[in-house]
């Protein structure tokens, strides 16, 4: 009913700013560079499970009664994407009783095999939907280790984190974010440190730097980027950038 819609909406909103910032690229392939595999029952051809290694490769997958329906390299911003770093090293999902994921699995297989025009665009879109479904499932389960996933899994913290994700240039004070979360400042900062594994301001700086890095690689002017993310001057941005990445921002733009 309507409660389900509201819950799904908030779940999508927790992910939408990350989805908008990092484009997903799915490249069907076999061999060592594979980190996304869909397996199927060898007799019935029914999809059985999805294996995903967010930041590494799967290596040799053990097959008993299954065969590999679809395998690919899926890149979603790599280590720059703060969500991937907090996911388990290997995610395994049984999809035998999940009609939505089964349908996505079949579509990915069909598209990859047909190789019709626009195939890479379709695979990227389907891959994105698959990734969102996997992430939603991870959010529902909650995380055990500190990190962004653990923060987003908490409905109070997630409101504050999404606010930082969506308006990173705002001069966020802990008090503002605590109010959005509906918590006292001391409870908010304590909970944030515990669940995300770093302080609120440290996470905000890290997020701004990830975005600044992307914008610099794209060729935007340092001064424009500094203004965009709430730094008083291009020098202030350059200092923060050197602290985070150990190099001068201009170097990253010139290299491309």
Foldseek 3Di string as FASTA:
>chain_A
DVVVVVVVVLLCLLCVLLPVQWFKFKAWDDDFQWFWWWKAFPVPRFTFKIKGQLAHTDHDDDDDRIDTLTITRMHTPHVLRQVSVQDPRMDMGTCNPPVVVRVLSVVLSVLVVVVDPPSRVVNSVSVSVNVSVSLSVDLCVAGDDAADSNQCNDVLSSQLVSVCSVQQQDPDDLCVSCVSSVHHSVVNQVVNCRRHVDGPVVVSLSSLLSSLLVVLCVPDDLQVSCNSRNHPGSVRVQVSNCVVPVDGSNVNNVVD
